[in-house]
PDB file of N, CA and C in Angstrom:
ATOM      1  N   UNK A   1     115.552 119.268 120.134  1.00  0.00           N
ATOM      2  CA  UNK A   1     114.171 118.848 120.022  1.00  0.00           C
ATOM      3  C   UNK A   1     113.613 119.413 118.712  1.00  0.00           C
ATOM      4  N   UNK A   2     112.832 118.628 117.968  1.00  0.00           N
ATOM      5  CA  UNK A   2     112.274 119.120 116.706  1.00  0.00           C
ATOM      6  C   UNK A   2     111.402 120.367 116.896  1.00  0.00           C
ATOM      7  N   UNK A   3     111.462 121.236 115.901  1.00  0.00           N
ATOM      8  CA  UNK A   3     110.678 122.475 115.921  1.00  0.00           C
ATOM      9  C   UNK A   3     109.505 122.367 114.953  1.00  0.00           C
ATOM     10  N   UNK A   4     108.441 123.070 115.269  1.00  0.00           N
ATOM     11  CA  UNK A   4     107.235 123.073 114.451  1.00  0.00           C
ATOM     12  C   UNK A   4     106.661 124.485 114.425  1.00  0.00           C
ATOM     13  N   UNK A   5     105.987 124.796 113.330  1.00  0.00           N
ATOM     14  CA  UNK A   5     105.259 126.050 113.191  1.00  0.00           C
ATOM     15  C   UNK A   5     103.783 125.686 113.132  1.00  0.00           C
ATOM     16  N   UNK A   6     102.981 126.285 113.989  1.00  0.00           N
ATOM     17  CA  UNK A   6     101.539 126.061 113.962  1.00  0.00           C
ATOM     18  C   UNK A   6     100.867 127.340 113.468  1.00  0.00           C
ATOM     19  N   UNK A   7     100.225 127.224 112.310  1.00  0.00           N
ATOM     20  CA  UNK A   7      99.511 128.341 111.706  1.00  0.00           C
ATOM     21  C   UNK A   7      98.037 128.182 112.063  1.00  0.00           C
ATOM     22  N   UNK A   8      97.465 129.197 112.678  1.00  0.00           N
ATOM     23  CA  UNK A   8      96.103 129.093 113.206  1.00  0.00           C
ATOM     24  C   UNK A   8      95.183 130.143 112.606  1.00  0.00           C
ATOM     25  N   UNK A   9      93.972 129.712 112.305  1.00  0.00           N
ATOM     26  CA  UNK A   9      92.904 130.608 111.852  1.00  0.00           C
ATOM     27  C   UNK A   9      91.745 130.466 112.822  1.00  0.00           C
ATOM     28  N   UNK A  10      91.233 131.604 113.285  1.00  0.00           N
ATOM     29  CA  UNK A  10      90.085 131.564 114.182  1.00  0.00           C
ATOM     30  C   UNK A  10      88.870 130.997 113.461  1.00  0.00           C
ATOM     31  N   UNK A  11      88.128 130.169 114.151  1.00  0.00           N
ATOM     32  CA  UNK A  11      86.813 129.736 113.692  1.00  0.00           C
ATOM     33  C   UNK A  11      85.818 130.804 114.119  1.00  0.00           C
ATOM     34  N   UNK A  12      84.566 130.649 113.756  1.00  0.00           N
ATOM     35  CA  UNK A  12      83.528 131.583 114.225  1.00  0.00           C
ATOM     36  C   UNK A  12      83.483 131.587 115.747  1.00  0.00           C
ATOM     37  N   UNK A  13      83.592 130.414 116.339  1.00  0.00           N
ATOM     38  CA  UNK A  13      83.591 130.291 117.806  1.00  0.00           C
ATOM     39  C   UNK A  13      84.780 131.038 118.400  1.00  0.00           C
ATOM     40  N   UNK A  14      85.966 130.855 117.812  1.00  0.00           N
ATOM     41  CA  UNK A  14      87.168 131.515 118.319  1.00  0.00           C
ATOM     42  C   UNK A  14      87.097 133.018 118.175  1.00  0.00           C
ATOM     43  N   UNK A  15      86.561 133.488 117.060  1.00  0.00           N
ATOM     44  CA  UNK A  15      86.415 134.941 116.849  1.00  0.00           C
ATOM     45  C   UNK A  15      85.473 135.550 117.867  1.00  0.00           C
ATOM     46  N   UNK A  16      84.405 134.840 118.163  1.00  0.00           N
ATOM     47  CA  UNK A  16      83.430 135.353 119.133  1.00  0.00           C
ATOM     48  C   UNK A  16      84.019 135.430 120.537  1.00  0.00           C
ATOM     49  N   UNK A  17      85.031 134.603 120.809  1.00  0.00           N
ATOM     50  CA  UNK A  17      85.644 134.550 122.145  1.00  0.00           C
ATOM     51  C   UNK A  17      87.096 135.019 122.118  1.00  0.00           C
ATOM     52  N   UNK A  18      87.436 135.899 121.169  1.00  0.00           N
ATOM     53  CA  UNK A  18      88.834 136.294 120.992  1.00  0.00           C
ATOM     54  C   UNK A  18      89.435 136.915 122.252  1.00  0.00           C
ATOM     55  N   UNK A  19      88.640 137.569 123.056  1.00  0.00           N
ATOM     56  CA  UNK A  19      89.160 138.181 124.299  1.00  0.00           C
ATOM     57  C   UNK A  19      89.640 137.141 125.297  1.00  0.00           C
ATOM     58  N   UNK A  20      89.221 135.892 125.122  1.00  0.00           N
ATOM     59  CA  UNK A  20      89.671 134.815 126.008  1.00  0.00           C
ATOM     60  C   UNK A  20      90.977 134.172 125.522  1.00  0.00           C
ATOM     61  N   UNK A  21      91.483 134.628 124.390  1.00  0.00           N
ATOM     62  CA  UNK A  21      92.688 134.030 123.798  1.00  0.00           C
ATOM     63  C   UNK A  21      93.903 134.024 124.727  1.00  0.00           C
ATOM     64  N   UNK A  22      94.202 135.128 125.449  1.00  0.00           N
ATOM     65  CA  UNK A  22      95.370 135.069 126.344  1.00  0.00           C
ATOM     66  C   UNK A  22      95.276 133.936 127.375  1.00  0.00           C
ATOM     67  N   UNK A  23      94.099 133.702 127.908  1.00  0.00           N
ATOM     68  CA  UNK A  23      93.927 132.603 128.853  1.00  0.00           C
ATOM     69  C   UNK A  23      94.086 131.249 128.193  1.00  0.00           C
ATOM     70  N   UNK A  24      93.620 131.139 126.954  1.00  0.00           N
ATOM     71  CA  UNK A  24      93.789 129.883 126.220  1.00  0.00           C
ATOM     72  C   UNK A  24      95.267 129.626 125.924  1.00  0.00           C
ATOM     73  N   UNK A  25      96.009 130.688 125.618  1.00  0.00           N
ATOM     74  CA  UNK A  25      97.453 130.525 125.388  1.00  0.00           C
ATOM     75  C   UNK A  25      98.137 130.026 126.655  1.00  0.00           C
ATOM     76  N   UNK A  26      97.779 130.597 127.791  1.00  0.00           N
ATOM     77  CA  UNK A  26      98.359 130.145 129.067  1.00  0.00           C
ATOM     78  C   UNK A  26      98.056 128.667 129.303  1.00  0.00           C
ATOM     79  N   UNK A  27      96.820 128.254 129.030  1.00  0.00           N
ATOM     80  CA  UNK A  27      96.438 126.848 129.215  1.00  0.00           C
ATOM     81  C   UNK A  27      97.207 125.955 128.240  1.00  0.00           C
ATOM     82  N   UNK A  28      97.392 126.419 127.008  1.00  0.00           N
ATOM     83  CA  UNK A  28      98.160 125.646 126.029  1.00  0.00           C
ATOM     84  C   UNK A  28      99.606 125.462 126.472  1.00  0.00           C
ATOM     85  N   UNK A  29     100.194 126.511 127.016  1.00  0.00           N
ATOM     86  CA  UNK A  29     101.579 126.400 127.483  1.00  0.00           C
ATOM     87  C   UNK A  29     101.699 125.305 128.542  1.00  0.00           C
ATOM     88  N   UNK A  30     100.718 125.222 129.426  1.00  0.00           N
ATOM     89  CA  UNK A  30     100.735 124.176 130.455  1.00  0.00           C
ATOM     90  C   UNK A  30     100.535 122.798 129.832  1.00  0.00           C
ATOM     91  N   UNK A  31      99.624 122.695 128.865  1.00  0.00           N
ATOM     92  CA  UNK A  31      99.385 121.427 128.177  1.00  0.00           C
ATOM     93  C   UNK A  31     100.641 120.954 127.467  1.00  0.00           C
ATOM     94  N   UNK A  32     101.307 121.855 126.761  1.00  0.00           N
ATOM     95  CA  UNK A  32     102.541 121.498 126.072  1.00  0.00           C
ATOM     96  C   UNK A  32     103.585 121.020 127.075  1.00  0.00           C
ATOM     97  N   UNK A  33     103.757 121.761 128.152  1.00  0.00           N
ATOM     98  CA  UNK A  33     104.752 121.387 129.167  1.00  0.00           C
ATOM     99  C   UNK A  33     104.468 119.998 129.727  1.00  0.00           C
ATOM    100  N   UNK A  34     103.199 119.704 129.989  1.00  0.00           N
ATOM    101  CA  UNK A  34     102.811 118.401 130.529  1.00  0.00           C
ATOM    102  C   UNK A  34     103.101 117.266 129.544  1.00  0.00           C
ATOM    103  N   UNK A  35     103.256 117.600 128.274  1.00  0.00           N
ATOM    104  CA  UNK A  35     103.535 116.602 127.242  1.00  0.00           C
ATOM    105  C   UNK A  35     104.979 116.641 126.753  1.00  0.00           C
ATOM    106  N   UNK A  36     105.853 117.304 127.516  1.00  0.00           N
ATOM    107  CA  UNK A  36     107.266 117.352 127.174  1.00  0.00           C
ATOM    108  C   UNK A  36     107.590 118.269 126.012  1.00  0.00           C
ATOM    109  N   UNK A  37     106.674 119.185 125.708  1.00  0.00           N
ATOM    110  CA  UNK A  37     106.851 120.122 124.597  1.00  0.00           C
ATOM    111  C   UNK A  37     106.869 121.547 125.152  1.00  0.00           C
ATOM    112  N   UNK A  38     107.120 122.513 124.266  1.00  0.00           N
ATOM    113  CA  UNK A  38     107.169 123.907 124.718  1.00  0.00           C
ATOM    114  C   UNK A  38     106.739 124.844 123.591  1.00  0.00           C
ATOM    115  N   UNK A  39     105.920 125.809 123.940  1.00  0.00           N
ATOM    116  CA  UNK A  39     105.587 126.893 123.015  1.00  0.00           C
ATOM    117  C   UNK A  39     106.672 127.941 123.201  1.00  0.00           C
ATOM    118  N   UNK A  40     107.488 128.122 122.166  1.00  0.00           N
ATOM    119  CA  UNK A  40     108.614 129.055 122.252  1.00  0.00           C
ATOM    120  C   UNK A  40     108.185 130.492 121.990  1.00  0.00           C
ATOM    121  N   UNK A  41     107.278 130.693 121.026  1.00  0.00           N
ATOM    122  CA  UNK A  41     106.827 132.038 120.689  1.00  0.00           C
ATOM    123  C   UNK A  41     105.390 131.994 120.199  1.00  0.00           C
ATOM    124  N   UNK A  42     104.673 133.066 120.458  1.00  0.00           N
ATOM    125  CA  UNK A  42     103.309 133.239 119.973  1.00  0.00           C
ATOM    126  C   UNK A  42     103.253 134.586 119.260  1.00  0.00           C
ATOM    127  N   UNK A  43     102.717 134.569 118.043  1.00  0.00           N
ATOM    128  CA  UNK A  43     102.578 135.802 117.268  1.00  0.00           C
ATOM    129  C   UNK A  43     101.129 135.982 116.837  1.00  0.00           C
ATOM    130  N   UNK A  44     100.615 137.188 116.967  1.00  0.00           N
ATOM    131  CA  UNK A  44      99.389 137.600 116.301  1.00  0.00           C
ATOM    132  C   UNK A  44      99.850 138.112 114.949  1.00  0.00           C
ATOM    133  N   UNK A  45      99.256 137.627 113.867  1.00  0.00           N
ATOM    134  CA  UNK A  45      99.721 138.007 112.543  1.00  0.00           C
ATOM    135  C   UNK A  45      98.567 138.528 111.689  1.00  0.00           C
ATOM    136  N   UNK A  46      98.931 139.217 110.631  1.00  0.00           N
ATOM    137  CA  UNK A  46      97.944 139.710 109.676  1.00  0.00           C
ATOM    138  C   UNK A  46      98.132 138.932 108.382  1.00  0.00           C
ATOM    139  N   UNK A  47      97.061 138.636 107.713  1.00  0.00           N
ATOM    140  CA  UNK A  47      97.141 137.890 106.467  1.00  0.00           C
ATOM    141  C   UNK A  47      96.226 136.690 106.507  1.00  0.00           C
ATOM    142  N   UNK A  48      96.678 135.575 105.948  1.00  0.00           N
ATOM    143  CA  UNK A  48      95.843 134.376 105.858  1.00  0.00           C
ATOM    144  C   UNK A  48      95.636 133.676 107.195  1.00  0.00           C
ATOM    145  N   UNK A  49      96.478 133.961 108.170  1.00  0.00           N
ATOM    146  CA  UNK A  49      96.389 133.323 109.480  1.00  0.00           C
ATOM    147  C   UNK A  49      96.203 134.391 110.546  1.00  0.00           C
ATOM    148  N   UNK A  50      95.743 133.960 111.711  1.00  0.00           N
ATOM    149  CA  UNK A  50      95.511 134.894 112.812  1.00  0.00           C
ATOM    150  C   UNK A  50      96.607 134.835 113.864  1.00  0.00           C
ATOM    151  N   UNK A  51      97.068 133.620 114.160  1.00  0.00           N
ATOM    152  CA  UNK A  51      98.174 133.465 115.103  1.00  0.00           C
ATOM    153  C   UNK A  51      99.144 132.421 114.572  1.00  0.00           C
ATOM    154  N   UNK A  52     100.390 132.552 115.002  1.00  0.00           N
ATOM    155  CA  UNK A  52     101.435 131.589 114.654  1.00  0.00           C
ATOM    156  C   UNK A  52     102.141 131.207 115.949  1.00  0.00           C
ATOM    157  N   UNK A  53     102.285 129.915 116.157  1.00  0.00           N
ATOM    158  CA  UNK A  53     103.027 129.414 117.307  1.00  0.00           C
ATOM    159  C   UNK A  53     104.304 128.758 116.812  1.00  0.00           C
ATOM    160  N   UNK A  54     105.396 129.062 117.454  1.00  0.00           N
ATOM    161  CA  UNK A  54     106.656 128.362 117.218  1.00  0.00           C
ATOM    162  C   UNK A  54     106.824 127.436 118.412  1.00  0.00           C
ATOM    163  N   UNK A  55     106.860 126.138 118.151  1.00  0.00           N
ATOM    164  CA  UNK A  55     106.868 125.168 119.242  1.00  0.00           C
ATOM    165  C   UNK A  55     107.987 124.153 119.062  1.00  0.00           C
ATOM    166  N   UNK A  56     108.331 123.501 120.146  1.00  0.00           N
ATOM    167  CA  UNK A  56     109.230 122.361 120.123  1.00  0.00           C
ATOM    168  C   UNK A  56     108.515 121.208 120.796  1.00  0.00           C
ATOM    169  N   UNK A  57     108.673 120.015 120.219  1.00  0.00           N
ATOM    170  CA  UNK A  57     108.076 118.807 120.784  1.00  0.00           C
ATOM    171  C   UNK A  57     109.074 117.669 120.625  1.00  0.00           C
ATOM    172  N   UNK A  58     108.981 116.661 121.468  1.00  0.00           N
ATOM    173  CA  UNK A  58     109.963 115.582 121.409  1.00  0.00           C
ATOM    174  C   UNK A  58     109.911 114.770 120.114  1.00  0.00           C
ATOM    175  N   UNK A  59     108.739 114.730 119.455  1.00  0.00           N
ATOM    176  CA  UNK A  59     108.618 113.955 118.221  1.00  0.00           C
ATOM    177  C   UNK A  59     107.353 114.376 117.478  1.00  0.00           C
ATOM    178  N   UNK A  60     107.233 113.863 116.247  1.00  0.00           N
ATOM    179  CA  UNK A  60     106.089 114.216 115.406  1.00  0.00           C
ATOM    180  C   UNK A  60     104.760 113.772 116.016  1.00  0.00           C
ATOM    181  N   UNK A  61     104.738 112.603 116.623  1.00  0.00           N
ATOM    182  CA  UNK A  61     103.492 112.107 117.213  1.00  0.00           C
ATOM    183  C   UNK A  61     102.996 113.012 118.326  1.00  0.00           C
ATOM    184  N   UNK A  62     103.891 113.468 119.176  1.00  0.00           N
ATOM    185  CA  UNK A  62     103.496 114.378 120.256  1.00  0.00           C
ATOM    186  C   UNK A  62     102.950 115.666 119.674  1.00  0.00           C
ATOM    187  N   UNK A  63     103.635 116.208 118.686  1.00  0.00           N
ATOM    188  CA  UNK A  63     103.184 117.450 118.075  1.00  0.00           C
ATOM    189  C   UNK A  63     101.834 117.258 117.386  1.00  0.00           C
ATOM    190  N   UNK A  64     101.655 116.137 116.690  1.00  0.00           N
ATOM    191  CA  UNK A  64     100.380 115.862 116.028  1.00  0.00           C
ATOM    192  C   UNK A  64      99.253 115.760 117.046  1.00  0.00           C
ATOM    193  N   UNK A  65      99.509 115.084 118.153  1.00  0.00           N
ATOM    194  CA  UNK A  65      98.501 114.948 119.208  1.00  0.00           C
ATOM    195  C   UNK A  65      98.114 116.321 119.763  1.00  0.00           C
ATOM    196  N   UNK A  66      99.118 117.176 120.012  1.00  0.00           N
ATOM    197  CA  UNK A  66      98.843 118.509 120.536  1.00  0.00           C
ATOM    198  C   UNK A  66      98.091 119.355 119.504  1.00  0.00           C
ATOM    199  N   UNK A  67      98.469 119.252 118.250  1.00  0.00           N
ATOM    200  CA  UNK A  67      97.800 119.990 117.185  1.00  0.00           C
ATOM    201  C   UNK A  67      96.327 119.574 117.082  1.00  0.00           C
ATOM    202  N   UNK A  68      96.078 118.273 117.126  1.00  0.00           N
ATOM    203  CA  UNK A  68      94.700 117.780 117.073  1.00  0.00           C
ATOM    204  C   UNK A  68      93.898 118.221 118.291  1.00  0.00           C
ATOM    205  N   UNK A  69      94.545 118.244 119.448  1.00  0.00           N
ATOM    206  CA  UNK A  69      93.878 118.685 120.677  1.00  0.00           C
ATOM    207  C   UNK A  69      93.467 120.145 120.566  1.00  0.00           C
ATOM    208  N   UNK A  70      94.356 120.969 120.019  1.00  0.00           N
ATOM    209  CA  UNK A  70      94.039 122.389 119.838  1.00  0.00           C
ATOM    210  C   UNK A  70      92.845 122.537 118.893  1.00  0.00           C
ATOM    211  N   UNK A  71      92.900 121.855 117.764  1.00  0.00           N
ATOM    212  CA  UNK A  71      91.813 121.949 116.797  1.00  0.00           C
ATOM    213  C   UNK A  71      90.495 121.441 117.342  1.00  0.00           C
ATOM    214  N   UNK A  72      90.535 120.389 118.142  1.00  0.00           N
ATOM    215  CA  UNK A  72      89.314 119.799 118.692  1.00  0.00           C
ATOM    216  C   UNK A  72      88.581 120.747 119.639  1.00  0.00           C
ATOM    217  N   UNK A  73      89.295 121.716 120.209  1.00  0.00           N
ATOM    218  CA  UNK A  73      88.650 122.685 121.104  1.00  0.00           C
ATOM    219  C   UNK A  73      87.702 123.606 120.333  1.00  0.00           C
ATOM    220  N   UNK A  74      87.895 123.710 119.003  1.00  0.00           N
ATOM    221  CA  UNK A  74      86.957 124.444 118.171  1.00  0.00           C
ATOM    222  C   UNK A  74      87.199 125.929 117.991  1.00  0.00           C
ATOM    223  N   UNK A  75      88.254 126.464 118.578  1.00  0.00           N
ATOM    224  CA  UNK A  75      88.499 127.902 118.477  1.00  0.00           C
ATOM    225  C   UNK A  75      89.356 128.291 117.283  1.00  0.00           C
ATOM    226  N   UNK A  76      90.189 127.365 116.819  1.00  0.00           N
ATOM    227  CA  UNK A  76      91.053 127.626 115.662  1.00  0.00           C
ATOM    228  C   UNK A  76      91.140 126.383 114.791  1.00  0.00           C
ATOM    229  N   UNK A  77      91.456 126.613 113.538  1.00  0.00           N
ATOM    230  CA  UNK A  77      91.867 125.548 112.630  1.00  0.00           C
ATOM    231  C   UNK A  77      93.386 125.619 112.584  1.00  0.00           C
ATOM    232  N   UNK A  78      94.034 124.485 112.716  1.00  0.00           N
ATOM    233  CA  UNK A  78      95.485 124.451 112.849  1.00  0.00           C
ATOM    234  C   UNK A  78      96.128 123.785 111.638  1.00  0.00           C
ATOM    235  N   UNK A  79      97.177 124.416 111.129  1.00  0.00           N
ATOM    236  CA  UNK A  79      98.029 123.799 110.116  1.00  0.00           C
ATOM    237  C   UNK A  79      99.423 123.742 110.720  1.00  0.00           C
ATOM    238  N   UNK A  80      99.962 122.540 110.862  1.00  0.00           N
ATOM    239  CA  UNK A  80     101.244 122.360 111.532  1.00  0.00           C
ATOM    240  C   UNK A  80     102.316 121.980 110.520  1.00  0.00           C
ATOM    241  N   UNK A  81     103.442 122.664 110.608  1.00  0.00           N
ATOM    242  CA  UNK A  81     104.569 122.423 109.719  1.00  0.00           C
ATOM    243  C   UNK A  81     105.779 121.986 110.532  1.00  0.00           C
ATOM    244  N   UNK A  82     106.491 120.978 110.065  1.00  0.00           N
ATOM    245  CA  UNK A  82     107.762 120.607 110.689  1.00  0.00           C
ATOM    246  C   UNK A  82     108.792 121.615 110.201  1.00  0.00           C
ATOM    247  N   UNK A  83     109.518 122.218 111.103  1.00  0.00           N
ATOM    248  CA  UNK A  83     110.509 123.236 110.759  1.00  0.00           C
ATOM    249  C   UNK A  83     111.910 122.687 111.023  1.00  0.00           C
ATOM    250  N   UNK A  84     112.790 122.861 110.056  1.00  0.00           N
ATOM    251  CA  UNK A  84     114.169 122.404 110.198  1.00  0.00           C
ATOM    252  C   UNK A  84     115.073 123.614 110.417  1.00  0.00           C
ATOM    253  N   UNK A  85     115.970 123.512 111.359  1.00  0.00           N
ATOM    254  CA  UNK A  85     116.923 124.593 111.618  1.00  0.00           C
ATOM    255  C   UNK A  85     117.891 124.714 110.443  1.00  0.00           C
ATOM    256  N   UNK A  86     118.663 125.765 110.443  1.00  0.00           N
ATOM    257  CA  UNK A  86     119.665 125.937 109.393  1.00  0.00           C
ATOM    258  C   UNK A  86     120.663 124.779 109.403  1.00  0.00           C
ATOM    259  N   UNK A  87     121.116 124.372 110.581  1.00  0.00           N
ATOM    260  CA  UNK A  87     122.056 123.246 110.663  1.00  0.00           C
ATOM    261  C   UNK A  87     121.433 121.966 110.115  1.00  0.00           C
ATOM    262  N   UNK A  88     120.172 121.706 110.472  1.00  0.00           N
ATOM    263  CA  UNK A  88     119.489 120.524 109.946  1.00  0.00           C
ATOM    264  C   UNK A  88     119.363 120.613 108.425  1.00  0.00           C
ATOM    265  N   UNK A  89     119.019 121.792 107.928  1.00  0.00           N
ATOM    266  CA  UNK A  89     118.911 122.011 106.494  1.00  0.00           C
ATOM    267  C   UNK A  89     120.233 121.694 105.797  1.00  0.00           C
ATOM    268  N   UNK A  90     121.322 122.194 106.365  1.00  0.00           N
ATOM    269  CA  UNK A  90     122.638 121.958 105.770  1.00  0.00           C
ATOM    270  C   UNK A  90     122.968 120.460 105.743  1.00  0.00           C
ATOM    271  N   UNK A  91     122.651 119.724 106.824  1.00  0.00           N
ATOM    272  CA  UNK A  91     122.898 118.284 106.864  1.00  0.00           C
ATOM    273  C   UNK A  91     122.057 117.548 105.805  1.00  0.00           C
ATOM    274  N   UNK A  92     120.801 117.948 105.688  1.00  0.00           N
ATOM    275  CA  UNK A  92     119.901 117.323 104.704  1.00  0.00           C
ATOM    276  C   UNK A  92     120.433 117.535 103.296  1.00  0.00           C
ATOM    277  N   UNK A  93     120.795 118.767 102.984  1.00  0.00           N
ATOM    278  CA  UNK A  93     121.281 119.075 101.649  1.00  0.00           C
ATOM    279  C   UNK A  93     122.604 118.371 101.358  1.00  0.00           C
ATOM    280  N   UNK A  94     123.480 118.327 102.348  1.00  0.00           N
ATOM    281  CA  UNK A  94     124.787 117.695 102.121  1.00  0.00           C
ATOM    282  C   UNK A  94     124.662 116.185 101.920  1.00  0.00           C
ATOM    283  N   UNK A  95     123.570 115.585 102.388  1.00  0.00           N
ATOM    284  CA  UNK A  95     123.376 114.151 102.249  1.00  0.00           C
ATOM    285  C   UNK A  95     122.557 113.775 101.005  1.00  0.00           C
ATOM    286  N   UNK A  96     122.248 114.765 100.184  1.00  0.00           N
ATOM    287  CA  UNK A  96     121.441 114.483  98.992  1.00  0.00           C
ATOM    288  C   UNK A  96     122.178 113.518  98.076  1.00  0.00           C
ATOM    289  N   UNK A  97     121.425 112.660  97.434  1.00  0.00           N
ATOM    290  CA  UNK A  97     121.992 111.659  96.516  1.00  0.00           C
ATOM    291  C   UNK A  97     122.303 112.288  95.169  1.00  0.00           C
TER     292      UNK A  97
END
């Protein structure tokens, strides 16, 4: 299943309700599962982002829909990256023209 990295920054609303974040993560895990996706890891990070999610989804459209749903809740701004495994990277590079 394709992997994605979701880089999240708290909005003012999210910062004000940061103590509710663990419950929101639990709800997100259920939402992802209901859509055939999975949150593999959650990290609190320091730097330009506040949290990072490593997720798997069946396709780009599903991941985009979930990313938009997260952002629409207003607690974080989401930047989603498609992540390729080492094996996928090797296949891509070996097929270069």
